[in-house]
Amino acid sequence: MTSDIPEVVINRLPLYARALTTLAAAGETVVSSQTLGEQLDVTPAQIRKDLSYFGRFGKQGRGYNVDDLLDRLREILGLDRSWSVCVVGIGRLGQAILEYDGFAQQGFDTVAAFDAAPDVAGRTIQGIEVRSMDDLEDYLTSEQVDIAVVAVPAEAAQAVVDRLVESGVHAILNYAPISAHVPEGVSIRQIDPVVMMQGMTYYLKELAPNAS
C-alpha cells in the first residue's frame, strides 16, 4: 500500500467490502456505485475516486462485478490471508473480545492472551491459556503475532504499548481510554466508546436542547 493514499480512503474500504459481502450473499452479481453509495451514505463519485487509487474497476454504465470487486478489495486489505492476534488485559472487555467469534470468521486468529493479575493468568478462555505479563516479550519474540489488542486500564496502556512495539508488534488496536503513542512504522487505532458518545451528545443537544 503506498503512503500517498489518504487514511480516510483506507478506512472506507472495509465498509465497501462488507456491503459487497452482503450483496454477494443475496445473490447479486453486479452493483452500481449509486446503489453501493446509497447503502453506505457515500456519494458515487467518492466511491469511484476511492477505488481509482487502486486501479480500474467496473465499466461505465455497467457497474461493478460484485465477486470480482470483493476479491480485489480483500486482496488490497490483506483479508485473503489469516492474521494472528493477541489480547493484552483480560478483564471484562478483554474476556469479551476473546469470546467473540466474529474475528475468527473474518480471518483474525486469536493465538494468545496476557494479564498481570495472578488470579487471571493460568485461566483458559475459549481454548486460549491466559499467560502472565512476565511472559509477554518471550512469547512475542518467539511466536508470530500480527496484531495486538490492548484492553488494560488507562494508566497501564502506554507502558504495554511500548512493550509490544519493542517486541516487534507493528499493529495495535487500543481500547484503553488514552491516546497511546507509537513510533513511525507502527499502526495504532484508538477505540474509546465514551469519546464517541460524547461526540454524539453534541447532536443530541442540538436536536433536543431542552432535554434534561
N, C-alpha and C. Protein backbone atom coordinates (compact mmCIF):
# COMPACT_ATOMS: atom_id res chain seq x y z
N MET A 1 0.84 -1.18 0.00
CA MET A 1 0.00 0.00 0.00
C MET A 1 0.88 1.23 0.00
N THR A 2 0.67 2.13 -0.91
CA THR A 2 1.53 3.30 -1.00
C THR A 2 1.11 4.33 0.04
N SER A 3 2.09 5.13 0.49
CA SER A 3 1.85 6.07 1.57
C SER A 3 1.04 7.29 1.14
N ASP A 4 0.86 7.49 -0.16
CA ASP A 4 0.14 8.68 -0.61
C ASP A 4 -1.37 8.47 -0.66
N ILE A 5 -1.85 7.30 -0.27
CA ILE A 5 -3.29 7.06 -0.22
C ILE A 5 -3.81 7.56 1.12
N PRO A 6 -4.80 8.48 1.13
CA PRO A 6 -5.30 9.02 2.39
C PRO A 6 -5.85 7.93 3.31
N GLU A 7 -5.61 8.10 4.60
CA GLU A 7 -6.08 7.10 5.56
C GLU A 7 -7.60 6.96 5.54
N VAL A 8 -8.29 8.07 5.30
CA VAL A 8 -9.76 8.01 5.26
C VAL A 8 -10.24 7.08 4.15
N VAL A 9 -9.48 7.01 3.05
CA VAL A 9 -9.83 6.10 1.95
C VAL A 9 -9.65 4.66 2.40
N ILE A 10 -8.52 4.36 3.04
CA ILE A 10 -8.27 3.01 3.54
C ILE A 10 -9.36 2.59 4.51
N ASN A 11 -9.80 3.53 5.36
CA ASN A 11 -10.82 3.20 6.36
C ASN A 11 -12.18 2.92 5.74
N ARG A 12 -12.42 3.44 4.52
CA ARG A 12 -13.70 3.17 3.88
C ARG A 12 -13.72 1.82 3.15
N LEU A 13 -12.56 1.31 2.79
CA LEU A 13 -12.51 0.06 2.03
C LEU A 13 -13.18 -1.11 2.74
N PRO A 14 -12.96 -1.29 4.05
CA PRO A 14 -13.68 -2.39 4.72
C PRO A 14 -15.19 -2.25 4.67
N LEU A 15 -15.68 -1.00 4.67
CA LEU A 15 -17.13 -0.78 4.56
C LEU A 15 -17.63 -1.23 3.20
N TYR A 16 -16.85 -0.93 2.15
CA TYR A 16 -17.23 -1.39 0.82
C TYR A 16 -17.21 -2.91 0.77
N ALA A 17 -16.19 -3.51 1.36
CA ALA A 17 -16.08 -4.97 1.34
C ALA A 17 -17.24 -5.62 2.08
N ARG A 18 -17.64 -5.04 3.20
CA ARG A 18 -18.75 -5.60 3.97
C ARG A 18 -20.06 -5.51 3.19
N ALA A 19 -20.29 -4.36 2.53
CA ALA A 19 -21.50 -4.21 1.73
C ALA A 19 -21.51 -5.20 0.57
N LEU A 20 -20.37 -5.38 -0.07
CA LEU A 20 -20.27 -6.32 -1.18
C LEU A 20 -20.48 -7.75 -0.72
N THR A 21 -20.00 -8.08 0.47
CA THR A 21 -20.23 -9.42 1.03
C THR A 21 -21.71 -9.68 1.20
N THR A 22 -22.43 -8.67 1.69
CA THR A 22 -23.88 -8.81 1.87
C THR A 22 -24.57 -8.98 0.51
N LEU A 23 -24.15 -8.21 -0.48
CA LEU A 23 -24.74 -8.31 -1.81
C LEU A 23 -24.46 -9.69 -2.42
N ALA A 24 -23.24 -10.18 -2.25
CA ALA A 24 -22.89 -11.50 -2.80
C ALA A 24 -23.72 -12.58 -2.15
N ALA A 25 -23.93 -12.49 -0.82
CA ALA A 25 -24.73 -13.49 -0.11
C ALA A 25 -26.19 -13.47 -0.57
N ALA A 26 -26.64 -12.30 -1.03
CA ALA A 26 -28.02 -12.17 -1.53
C ALA A 26 -28.14 -12.58 -2.98
N GLY A 27 -27.03 -12.99 -3.59
CA GLY A 27 -27.07 -13.45 -4.97
C GLY A 27 -26.89 -12.37 -6.01
N GLU A 28 -26.56 -11.15 -5.58
CA GLU A 28 -26.35 -10.06 -6.53
C GLU A 28 -25.02 -10.26 -7.25
N THR A 29 -25.00 -10.01 -8.54
CA THR A 29 -23.76 -10.20 -9.31
C THR A 29 -23.15 -8.89 -9.79
N VAL A 30 -23.97 -7.85 -9.90
CA VAL A 30 -23.49 -6.54 -10.38
C VAL A 30 -24.07 -5.46 -9.48
N VAL A 31 -23.27 -4.44 -9.19
CA VAL A 31 -23.75 -3.32 -8.38
C VAL A 31 -23.17 -2.03 -8.96
N SER A 32 -23.98 -0.99 -8.97
CA SER A 32 -23.52 0.32 -9.43
C SER A 32 -22.95 1.10 -8.26
N SER A 33 -22.14 2.10 -8.55
CA SER A 33 -21.64 2.96 -7.48
C SER A 33 -22.78 3.71 -6.81
N GLN A 34 -23.85 3.98 -7.56
CA GLN A 34 -25.02 4.64 -6.99
C GLN A 34 -25.65 3.77 -5.91
N THR A 35 -25.89 2.50 -6.23
CA THR A 35 -26.51 1.58 -5.26
C THR A 35 -25.61 1.36 -4.06
N LEU A 36 -24.32 1.18 -4.31
CA LEU A 36 -23.37 0.97 -3.22
C LEU A 36 -23.31 2.20 -2.32
N GLY A 37 -23.33 3.36 -2.95
CA GLY A 37 -23.29 4.60 -2.18
C GLY A 37 -24.51 4.80 -1.32
N GLU A 38 -25.67 4.42 -1.83
CA GLU A 38 -26.91 4.56 -1.06
C GLU A 38 -26.89 3.69 0.18
N GLN A 39 -26.27 2.52 0.09
CA GLN A 39 -26.19 1.63 1.23
C GLN A 39 -25.26 2.17 2.31
N LEU A 40 -24.24 2.91 1.90
CA LEU A 40 -23.19 3.33 2.83
C LEU A 40 -23.20 4.83 3.12
N ASP A 41 -24.14 5.55 2.54
CA ASP A 41 -24.21 7.01 2.70
C ASP A 41 -22.91 7.66 2.23
N VAL A 42 -22.43 7.19 1.08
CA VAL A 42 -21.25 7.74 0.42
C VAL A 42 -21.65 8.08 -1.01
N THR A 43 -21.17 9.18 -1.54
CA THR A 43 -21.55 9.55 -2.90
C THR A 43 -20.91 8.60 -3.91
N PRO A 44 -21.58 8.35 -5.04
CA PRO A 44 -20.99 7.51 -6.08
C PRO A 44 -19.64 8.03 -6.55
N ALA A 45 -19.52 9.37 -6.63
CA ALA A 45 -18.25 9.96 -7.06
C ALA A 45 -17.13 9.63 -6.08
N GLN A 46 -17.46 9.62 -4.77
CA GLN A 46 -16.45 9.31 -3.76
C GLN A 46 -16.01 7.86 -3.87
N ILE A 47 -16.96 6.97 -4.12
CA ILE A 47 -16.61 5.55 -4.28
C ILE A 47 -15.68 5.37 -5.47
N ARG A 48 -16.03 5.99 -6.59
CA ARG A 48 -15.19 5.86 -7.78
C ARG A 48 -13.80 6.44 -7.54
N LYS A 49 -13.73 7.56 -6.82
CA LYS A 49 -12.44 8.17 -6.53
C LYS A 49 -11.61 7.27 -5.62
N ASP A 50 -12.24 6.72 -4.59
CA ASP A 50 -11.53 5.84 -3.66
C ASP A 50 -10.94 4.64 -4.40
N LEU A 51 -11.75 4.02 -5.24
CA LEU A 51 -11.29 2.82 -5.94
C LEU A 51 -10.22 3.14 -6.97
N SER A 52 -10.24 4.37 -7.49
CA SER A 52 -9.28 4.73 -8.53
C SER A 52 -7.84 4.73 -8.01
N TYR A 53 -7.65 4.82 -6.69
CA TYR A 53 -6.30 4.75 -6.13
C TYR A 53 -5.67 3.38 -6.38
N PHE A 54 -6.50 2.38 -6.64
CA PHE A 54 -6.00 1.01 -6.72
C PHE A 54 -6.14 0.39 -8.11
N GLY A 55 -6.55 1.19 -9.08
CA GLY A 55 -6.66 0.68 -10.43
C GLY A 55 -8.03 0.97 -11.01
N ARG A 56 -8.36 0.27 -12.07
CA ARG A 56 -9.65 0.45 -12.74
C ARG A 56 -10.56 -0.71 -12.38
N PHE A 57 -11.80 -0.34 -12.03
CA PHE A 57 -12.79 -1.34 -11.63
C PHE A 57 -14.09 -1.06 -12.37
N GLY A 58 -14.73 -2.11 -12.83
CA GLY A 58 -16.02 -1.97 -13.48
C GLY A 58 -15.95 -1.26 -14.82
N LYS A 59 -17.10 -1.10 -15.41
CA LYS A 59 -17.22 -0.42 -16.70
C LYS A 59 -18.32 0.61 -16.63
N GLN A 60 -18.07 1.77 -17.22
CA GLN A 60 -19.04 2.86 -17.17
C GLN A 60 -20.38 2.40 -17.74
N GLY A 61 -21.42 2.63 -16.96
CA GLY A 61 -22.76 2.26 -17.39
C GLY A 61 -23.13 0.82 -17.08
N ARG A 62 -22.15 0.01 -16.62
CA ARG A 62 -22.45 -1.40 -16.34
C ARG A 62 -22.21 -1.78 -14.89
N GLY A 63 -21.59 -0.89 -14.13
CA GLY A 63 -21.37 -1.16 -12.72
C GLY A 63 -20.20 -2.08 -12.46
N TYR A 64 -20.15 -2.60 -11.23
CA TYR A 64 -19.06 -3.46 -10.80
C TYR A 64 -19.54 -4.90 -10.66
N ASN A 65 -18.70 -5.83 -11.06
CA ASN A 65 -18.95 -7.23 -10.76
C ASN A 65 -18.71 -7.43 -9.27
N VAL A 66 -19.73 -7.87 -8.55
CA VAL A 66 -19.66 -7.94 -7.09
C VAL A 66 -18.55 -8.85 -6.62
N ASP A 67 -18.48 -10.07 -7.14
CA ASP A 67 -17.46 -11.02 -6.70
C ASP A 67 -16.06 -10.55 -7.03
N ASP A 68 -15.88 -10.01 -8.22
CA ASP A 68 -14.55 -9.56 -8.63
C ASP A 68 -14.08 -8.39 -7.77
N LEU A 69 -14.95 -7.42 -7.53
CA LEU A 69 -14.56 -6.27 -6.72
C LEU A 69 -14.30 -6.68 -5.28
N LEU A 70 -15.13 -7.59 -4.76
CA LEU A 70 -14.92 -8.06 -3.39
C LEU A 70 -13.58 -8.79 -3.26
N ASP A 71 -13.27 -9.64 -4.22
CA ASP A 71 -11.98 -10.34 -4.19
C ASP A 71 -10.82 -9.36 -4.24
N ARG A 72 -10.94 -8.33 -5.06
CA ARG A 72 -9.86 -7.36 -5.19
C ARG A 72 -9.70 -6.54 -3.91
N LEU A 73 -10.81 -6.15 -3.30
CA LEU A 73 -10.73 -5.40 -2.05
C LEU A 73 -10.13 -6.25 -0.94
N ARG A 74 -10.51 -7.52 -0.89
CA ARG A 74 -9.94 -8.41 0.12
C ARG A 74 -8.43 -8.55 -0.07
N GLU A 75 -8.01 -8.60 -1.32
CA GLU A 75 -6.57 -8.67 -1.61
C GLU A 75 -5.87 -7.38 -1.18
N ILE A 76 -6.47 -6.23 -1.50
CA ILE A 76 -5.89 -4.94 -1.15
C ILE A 76 -5.75 -4.81 0.37
N LEU A 77 -6.77 -5.23 1.09
CA LEU A 77 -6.79 -5.09 2.54
C LEU A 77 -6.03 -6.21 3.25
N GLY A 78 -5.59 -7.21 2.51
CA GLY A 78 -4.91 -8.33 3.13
C GLY A 78 -5.85 -9.30 3.82
N LEU A 79 -7.11 -9.30 3.40
CA LEU A 79 -8.10 -10.19 4.01
C LEU A 79 -8.17 -11.54 3.33
N ASP A 80 -7.27 -11.76 2.38
CA ASP A 80 -7.21 -13.06 1.71
C ASP A 80 -6.23 -14.00 2.41
N ARG A 81 -5.85 -13.66 3.63
CA ARG A 81 -4.97 -14.50 4.43
C ARG A 81 -5.40 -14.37 5.89
N SER A 82 -4.83 -15.17 6.77
CA SER A 82 -5.13 -15.10 8.20
C SER A 82 -4.10 -14.23 8.91
N TRP A 83 -4.56 -13.57 9.98
CA TRP A 83 -3.69 -12.72 10.79
C TRP A 83 -3.77 -13.17 12.24
N SER A 84 -2.63 -13.27 12.88
CA SER A 84 -2.59 -13.72 14.28
C SER A 84 -2.74 -12.52 15.21
N VAL A 85 -3.50 -12.74 16.29
CA VAL A 85 -3.86 -11.67 17.21
C VAL A 85 -3.58 -12.12 18.64
N CYS A 86 -3.09 -11.19 19.46
CA CYS A 86 -3.03 -11.44 20.90
C CYS A 86 -3.82 -10.35 21.62
N VAL A 87 -4.35 -10.69 22.78
CA VAL A 87 -5.13 -9.76 23.60
C VAL A 87 -4.38 -9.54 24.91
N VAL A 88 -4.17 -8.28 25.25
CA VAL A 88 -3.47 -7.94 26.49
C VAL A 88 -4.45 -7.23 27.42
N GLY A 89 -4.70 -7.85 28.57
CA GLY A 89 -5.68 -7.32 29.51
C GLY A 89 -6.96 -8.13 29.43
N ILE A 90 -7.13 -9.06 30.38
CA ILE A 90 -8.30 -9.95 30.30
C ILE A 90 -9.25 -9.65 31.45
N GLY A 91 -9.67 -8.39 31.49
CA GLY A 91 -10.79 -8.02 32.35
C GLY A 91 -12.09 -8.35 31.62
N ARG A 92 -13.14 -7.63 31.94
CA ARG A 92 -14.43 -7.91 31.30
C ARG A 92 -14.36 -7.68 29.79
N LEU A 93 -13.73 -6.57 29.40
CA LEU A 93 -13.63 -6.27 27.98
C LEU A 93 -12.75 -7.27 27.27
N GLY A 94 -11.57 -7.54 27.82
CA GLY A 94 -10.66 -8.49 27.20
C GLY A 94 -11.26 -9.88 27.07
N GLN A 95 -11.99 -10.30 28.10
CA GLN A 95 -12.64 -11.61 28.04
C GLN A 95 -13.71 -11.63 26.96
N ALA A 96 -14.46 -10.54 26.85
CA ALA A 96 -15.49 -10.47 25.81
C ALA A 96 -14.86 -10.54 24.42
N ILE A 97 -13.70 -9.90 24.25
CA ILE A 97 -13.00 -9.95 22.96
C ILE A 97 -12.57 -11.39 22.66
N LEU A 98 -12.04 -12.08 23.66
CA LEU A 98 -11.63 -13.48 23.46
C LEU A 98 -12.83 -14.36 23.09
N GLU A 99 -13.97 -14.08 23.66
CA GLU A 99 -15.15 -14.93 23.45
C GLU A 99 -15.91 -14.59 22.17
N TYR A 100 -15.59 -13.47 21.55
CA TYR A 100 -16.29 -13.06 20.33
C TYR A 100 -15.76 -13.86 19.14
N ASP A 101 -16.66 -14.57 18.46
CA ASP A 101 -16.21 -15.44 17.37
C ASP A 101 -16.19 -14.74 16.01
N GLY A 102 -16.60 -13.47 15.98
CA GLY A 102 -16.62 -12.74 14.72
C GLY A 102 -15.25 -12.48 14.14
N PHE A 103 -14.22 -12.39 15.00
CA PHE A 103 -12.87 -12.15 14.50
C PHE A 103 -12.38 -13.34 13.67
N ALA A 104 -12.58 -14.53 14.20
CA ALA A 104 -12.12 -15.74 13.50
C ALA A 104 -12.82 -15.89 12.16
N GLN A 105 -14.08 -15.52 12.09
CA GLN A 105 -14.83 -15.63 10.85
C GLN A 105 -14.27 -14.72 9.76
N GLN A 106 -13.57 -13.67 10.16
CA GLN A 106 -13.02 -12.73 9.20
C GLN A 106 -11.52 -12.91 9.01
N GLY A 107 -10.97 -14.00 9.53
CA GLY A 107 -9.56 -14.30 9.29
C GLY A 107 -8.60 -13.81 10.36
N PHE A 108 -9.12 -13.38 11.52
CA PHE A 108 -8.26 -12.91 12.61
C PHE A 108 -8.21 -14.01 13.68
N ASP A 109 -7.07 -14.65 13.78
CA ASP A 109 -6.90 -15.82 14.63
C ASP A 109 -6.27 -15.42 15.96
N THR A 110 -7.05 -15.43 17.02
CA THR A 110 -6.52 -15.08 18.34
C THR A 110 -5.68 -16.24 18.86
N VAL A 111 -4.40 -15.97 19.09
CA VAL A 111 -3.46 -17.04 19.44
C VAL A 111 -2.95 -16.95 20.86
N ALA A 112 -3.10 -15.80 21.53
CA ALA A 112 -2.54 -15.67 22.87
C ALA A 112 -3.26 -14.57 23.63
N ALA A 113 -3.18 -14.66 24.96
CA ALA A 113 -3.76 -13.65 25.84
C ALA A 113 -2.84 -13.46 27.04
N PHE A 114 -2.82 -12.23 27.57
CA PHE A 114 -1.92 -11.90 28.67
C PHE A 114 -2.65 -11.03 29.69
N ASP A 115 -2.30 -11.24 30.98
CA ASP A 115 -2.86 -10.40 32.03
C ASP A 115 -1.88 -10.35 33.19
N ALA A 116 -1.87 -9.22 33.91
CA ALA A 116 -0.94 -9.04 35.02
C ALA A 116 -1.44 -9.64 36.32
N ALA A 117 -2.75 -9.90 36.41
CA ALA A 117 -3.31 -10.40 37.67
C ALA A 117 -3.00 -11.89 37.85
N PRO A 118 -2.42 -12.29 38.99
CA PRO A 118 -2.09 -13.70 39.22
C PRO A 118 -3.30 -14.62 39.18
N ASP A 119 -4.48 -14.11 39.57
CA ASP A 119 -5.67 -14.96 39.58
C ASP A 119 -6.31 -15.08 38.20
N VAL A 120 -5.81 -14.31 37.23
CA VAL A 120 -6.32 -14.41 35.86
C VAL A 120 -5.36 -15.24 35.01
N ALA A 121 -4.07 -14.98 35.14
CA ALA A 121 -3.06 -15.77 34.42
C ALA A 121 -3.20 -17.24 34.81
N GLY A 122 -3.20 -18.08 33.81
CA GLY A 122 -3.37 -19.51 34.03
C GLY A 122 -4.77 -20.01 33.69
N ARG A 123 -5.74 -19.08 33.61
CA ARG A 123 -7.08 -19.48 33.19
C ARG A 123 -7.10 -19.80 31.70
N THR A 124 -8.07 -20.57 31.27
CA THR A 124 -8.25 -20.86 29.85
C THR A 124 -9.60 -20.33 29.42
N ILE A 125 -9.60 -19.50 28.39
CA ILE A 125 -10.83 -18.90 27.87
C ILE A 125 -10.91 -19.19 26.38
N GLN A 126 -11.98 -19.81 25.96
CA GLN A 126 -12.16 -20.16 24.55
C GLN A 126 -10.95 -20.95 24.02
N GLY A 127 -10.42 -21.82 24.85
CA GLY A 127 -9.29 -22.65 24.43
C GLY A 127 -7.94 -21.96 24.45
N ILE A 128 -7.90 -20.71 24.92
CA ILE A 128 -6.65 -19.94 24.95
C ILE A 128 -6.21 -19.75 26.41
N GLU A 129 -5.00 -20.18 26.71
CA GLU A 129 -4.47 -20.00 28.06
C GLU A 129 -4.03 -18.56 28.25
N VAL A 130 -4.48 -17.95 29.33
CA VAL A 130 -4.05 -16.59 29.65
C VAL A 130 -2.68 -16.66 30.31
N ARG A 131 -1.71 -16.00 29.69
CA ARG A 131 -0.34 -16.01 30.19
C ARG A 131 -0.07 -14.79 31.06
N SER A 132 0.95 -14.91 31.90
CA SER A 132 1.38 -13.78 32.71
C SER A 132 2.03 -12.72 31.83
N MET A 133 1.90 -11.47 32.24
CA MET A 133 2.58 -10.39 31.53
C MET A 133 4.09 -10.57 31.55
N ASP A 134 4.59 -11.32 32.53
CA ASP A 134 6.03 -11.59 32.59
C ASP A 134 6.51 -12.37 31.37
N ASP A 135 5.58 -13.06 30.71
CA ASP A 135 5.93 -13.89 29.55
C ASP A 135 5.77 -13.16 28.22
N LEU A 136 5.35 -11.89 28.27
CA LEU A 136 4.96 -11.18 27.05
C LEU A 136 6.09 -11.11 26.03
N GLU A 137 7.24 -10.59 26.44
CA GLU A 137 8.34 -10.41 25.50
C GLU A 137 8.84 -11.73 24.93
N ASP A 138 8.99 -12.73 25.80
CA ASP A 138 9.48 -14.03 25.33
C ASP A 138 8.54 -14.62 24.30
N TYR A 139 7.23 -14.50 24.54
CA TYR A 139 6.27 -15.06 23.59
C TYR A 139 6.31 -14.32 22.26
N LEU A 140 6.30 -12.99 22.33
CA LEU A 140 6.22 -12.20 21.10
C LEU A 140 7.48 -12.33 20.25
N THR A 141 8.60 -12.56 20.87
CA THR A 141 9.84 -12.70 20.10
C THR A 141 10.03 -14.10 19.54
N SER A 142 9.23 -15.05 20.02
CA SER A 142 9.37 -16.43 19.53
C SER A 142 8.20 -16.87 18.66
N GLU A 143 7.06 -16.18 18.77
CA GLU A 143 5.86 -16.55 18.02
C GLU A 143 5.41 -15.38 17.13
N GLN A 144 4.74 -15.70 16.06
CA GLN A 144 4.25 -14.68 15.13
C GLN A 144 2.96 -14.07 15.66
N VAL A 145 2.97 -12.78 15.91
CA VAL A 145 1.76 -12.05 16.28
C VAL A 145 1.69 -10.81 15.41
N ASP A 146 0.64 -10.69 14.63
CA ASP A 146 0.50 -9.57 13.70
C ASP A 146 -0.16 -8.36 14.34
N ILE A 147 -1.17 -8.60 15.17
CA ILE A 147 -1.96 -7.52 15.76
C ILE A 147 -2.11 -7.77 17.25
N ALA A 148 -1.94 -6.73 18.05
CA ALA A 148 -2.18 -6.82 19.49
C ALA A 148 -3.38 -5.95 19.84
N VAL A 149 -4.27 -6.49 20.65
CA VAL A 149 -5.41 -5.75 21.17
C VAL A 149 -5.12 -5.40 22.62
N VAL A 150 -5.15 -4.12 22.94
CA VAL A 150 -4.84 -3.65 24.29
C VAL A 150 -6.13 -3.29 25.00
N ALA A 151 -6.41 -3.98 26.11
CA ALA A 151 -7.64 -3.74 26.88
C ALA A 151 -7.29 -3.63 28.36
N VAL A 152 -6.31 -2.79 28.65
CA VAL A 152 -5.83 -2.61 30.03
C VAL A 152 -6.29 -1.24 30.52
N PRO A 153 -6.19 -0.98 31.84
CA PRO A 153 -6.54 0.35 32.36
C PRO A 153 -5.68 1.44 31.74
N ALA A 154 -6.19 2.66 31.75
CA ALA A 154 -5.51 3.77 31.09
C ALA A 154 -4.10 3.97 31.60
N GLU A 155 -3.91 3.83 32.90
CA GLU A 155 -2.60 4.11 33.48
C GLU A 155 -1.53 3.10 33.06
N ALA A 156 -1.96 1.94 32.58
CA ALA A 156 -1.01 0.91 32.18
C ALA A 156 -0.81 0.84 30.67
N ALA A 157 -1.65 1.54 29.91
CA ALA A 157 -1.72 1.34 28.47
C ALA A 157 -0.44 1.71 27.74
N GLN A 158 0.12 2.89 28.01
CA GLN A 158 1.30 3.31 27.26
C GLN A 158 2.47 2.37 27.50
N ALA A 159 2.65 1.93 28.73
CA ALA A 159 3.74 1.00 29.02
C ALA A 159 3.55 -0.32 28.28
N VAL A 160 2.31 -0.79 28.22
CA VAL A 160 2.02 -2.03 27.49
C VAL A 160 2.28 -1.84 26.01
N VAL A 161 1.83 -0.73 25.46
CA VAL A 161 2.07 -0.44 24.04
C VAL A 161 3.56 -0.39 23.75
N ASP A 162 4.32 0.23 24.63
CA ASP A 162 5.78 0.31 24.44
C ASP A 162 6.39 -1.09 24.41
N ARG A 163 5.93 -1.96 25.30
CA ARG A 163 6.47 -3.33 25.35
C ARG A 163 6.11 -4.09 24.08
N LEU A 164 4.92 -3.88 23.58
CA LEU A 164 4.50 -4.55 22.35
C LEU A 164 5.36 -4.10 21.17
N VAL A 165 5.57 -2.80 21.08
CA VAL A 165 6.37 -2.26 19.98
C VAL A 165 7.81 -2.77 20.06
N GLU A 166 8.38 -2.75 21.25
CA GLU A 166 9.76 -3.22 21.43
C GLU A 166 9.90 -4.70 21.11
N SER A 167 8.80 -5.43 21.20
CA SER A 167 8.83 -6.87 20.92
C SER A 167 8.49 -7.19 19.47
N GLY A 168 8.29 -6.15 18.66
CA GLY A 168 8.13 -6.37 17.23
C GLY A 168 6.72 -6.35 16.69
N VAL A 169 5.73 -5.97 17.51
CA VAL A 169 4.35 -5.88 17.02
C VAL A 169 4.19 -4.57 16.24
N HIS A 170 3.61 -4.66 15.05
CA HIS A 170 3.51 -3.49 14.18
C HIS A 170 2.08 -2.97 14.00
N ALA A 171 1.11 -3.61 14.65
CA ALA A 171 -0.28 -3.14 14.55
C ALA A 171 -0.95 -3.34 15.90
N ILE A 172 -1.56 -2.28 16.42
CA ILE A 172 -2.14 -2.30 17.75
C ILE A 172 -3.53 -1.69 17.71
N LEU A 173 -4.48 -2.38 18.32
CA LEU A 173 -5.84 -1.87 18.50
C LEU A 173 -6.00 -1.54 19.98
N ASN A 174 -6.14 -0.26 20.31
CA ASN A 174 -6.10 0.19 21.69
C ASN A 174 -7.49 0.57 22.19
N TYR A 175 -8.00 -0.22 23.16
CA TYR A 175 -9.28 0.08 23.79
C TYR A 175 -9.13 0.90 25.07
N ALA A 176 -7.90 1.07 25.54
CA ALA A 176 -7.69 1.85 26.76
C ALA A 176 -8.07 3.31 26.51
N PRO A 177 -8.66 3.97 27.50
CA PRO A 177 -9.13 5.35 27.30
C PRO A 177 -8.02 6.39 27.37
N ILE A 178 -6.96 6.19 26.59
CA ILE A 178 -5.93 7.20 26.40
C ILE A 178 -5.50 7.13 24.94
N SER A 179 -4.85 8.18 24.48
CA SER A 179 -4.28 8.17 23.13
C SER A 179 -2.82 7.72 23.25
N ALA A 180 -2.59 6.44 23.07
CA ALA A 180 -1.23 5.91 23.18
C ALA A 180 -0.41 6.32 21.97
N HIS A 181 0.88 6.46 22.17
CA HIS A 181 1.78 6.90 21.11
C HIS A 181 2.67 5.75 20.67
N VAL A 182 2.93 5.71 19.37
CA VAL A 182 3.81 4.68 18.81
C VAL A 182 4.77 5.34 17.84
N PRO A 183 5.91 4.72 17.59
CA PRO A 183 6.86 5.29 16.62
C PRO A 183 6.39 5.09 15.19
N GLU A 184 7.04 5.80 14.28
CA GLU A 184 6.74 5.64 12.86
C GLU A 184 6.96 4.19 12.46
N GLY A 185 6.07 3.70 11.61
CA GLY A 185 6.18 2.32 11.16
C GLY A 185 5.29 1.37 11.92
N VAL A 186 4.64 1.87 13.00
CA VAL A 186 3.68 1.07 13.76
C VAL A 186 2.30 1.68 13.59
N SER A 187 1.32 0.85 13.26
CA SER A 187 -0.05 1.32 13.06
C SER A 187 -0.83 1.11 14.35
N ILE A 188 -1.51 2.16 14.81
CA ILE A 188 -2.34 2.04 16.01
C ILE A 188 -3.71 2.65 15.74
N ARG A 189 -4.74 2.00 16.25
CA ARG A 189 -6.10 2.51 16.17
C ARG A 189 -6.64 2.62 17.58
N GLN A 190 -7.19 3.78 17.92
CA GLN A 190 -7.71 4.04 19.25
C GLN A 190 -9.24 3.89 19.22
N ILE A 191 -9.77 3.10 20.13
CA ILE A 191 -11.22 2.92 20.21
C ILE A 191 -11.67 3.29 21.62
N ASP A 192 -12.40 4.39 21.75
CA ASP A 192 -12.89 4.84 23.05
C ASP A 192 -14.39 5.13 22.91
N PRO A 193 -15.25 4.20 23.33
CA PRO A 193 -16.70 4.41 23.18
C PRO A 193 -17.20 5.66 23.90
N VAL A 194 -16.58 6.01 25.04
CA VAL A 194 -17.03 7.19 25.77
C VAL A 194 -16.82 8.45 24.94
N VAL A 195 -15.65 8.57 24.32
CA VAL A 195 -15.37 9.73 23.47
C VAL A 195 -16.36 9.78 22.31
N MET A 196 -16.65 8.61 21.73
CA MET A 196 -17.60 8.58 20.62
C MET A 196 -18.99 9.03 21.06
N MET A 197 -19.43 8.58 22.25
CA MET A 197 -20.73 9.01 22.75
C MET A 197 -20.74 10.49 23.09
N GLN A 198 -19.60 11.01 23.60
CA GLN A 198 -19.53 12.44 23.90
C GLN A 198 -19.67 13.26 22.63
N GLY A 199 -19.14 12.75 21.52
CA GLY A 199 -19.34 13.43 20.24
C GLY A 199 -20.78 13.40 19.81
N MET A 200 -21.49 12.31 20.11
CA MET A 200 -22.89 12.20 19.72
C MET A 200 -23.78 13.13 20.52
N THR A 201 -23.38 13.45 21.76
CA THR A 201 -24.23 14.30 22.57
C THR A 201 -24.33 15.71 22.00
N TYR A 202 -23.35 16.12 21.23
CA TYR A 202 -23.44 17.43 20.56
C TYR A 202 -24.69 17.47 19.68
N TYR A 203 -24.89 16.40 18.91
CA TYR A 203 -26.04 16.36 18.01
C TYR A 203 -27.33 16.17 18.78
N LEU A 204 -27.29 15.37 19.85
CA LEU A 204 -28.49 15.21 20.69
C LEU A 204 -28.90 16.54 21.31
N LYS A 205 -27.91 17.31 21.75
CA LYS A 205 -28.19 18.62 22.35
C LYS A 205 -28.87 19.54 21.33
N GLU A 206 -28.40 19.49 20.08
CA GLU A 206 -28.97 20.33 19.04
C GLU A 206 -30.40 19.89 18.70
N LEU A 207 -30.64 18.57 18.75
CA LEU A 207 -31.97 18.05 18.41
C LEU A 207 -32.97 18.23 19.53
N ALA A 208 -32.48 18.14 20.76
CA ALA A 208 -33.38 18.25 21.92
C ALA A 208 -32.75 19.16 22.96
N PRO A 209 -32.71 20.48 22.69
CA PRO A 209 -31.97 21.41 23.55
C PRO A 209 -32.53 21.50 24.97
N ASN A 210 -33.79 21.15 25.18
CA ASN A 210 -34.41 21.28 26.49
C ASN A 210 -34.46 19.97 27.26
N ALA A 211 -33.85 18.92 26.69
CA ALA A 211 -33.88 17.62 27.37
C ALA A 211 -33.07 17.68 28.65
N SER A 212 -33.53 17.00 29.68
CA SER A 212 -32.83 17.03 30.98
C SER A 212 -31.74 15.97 31.00
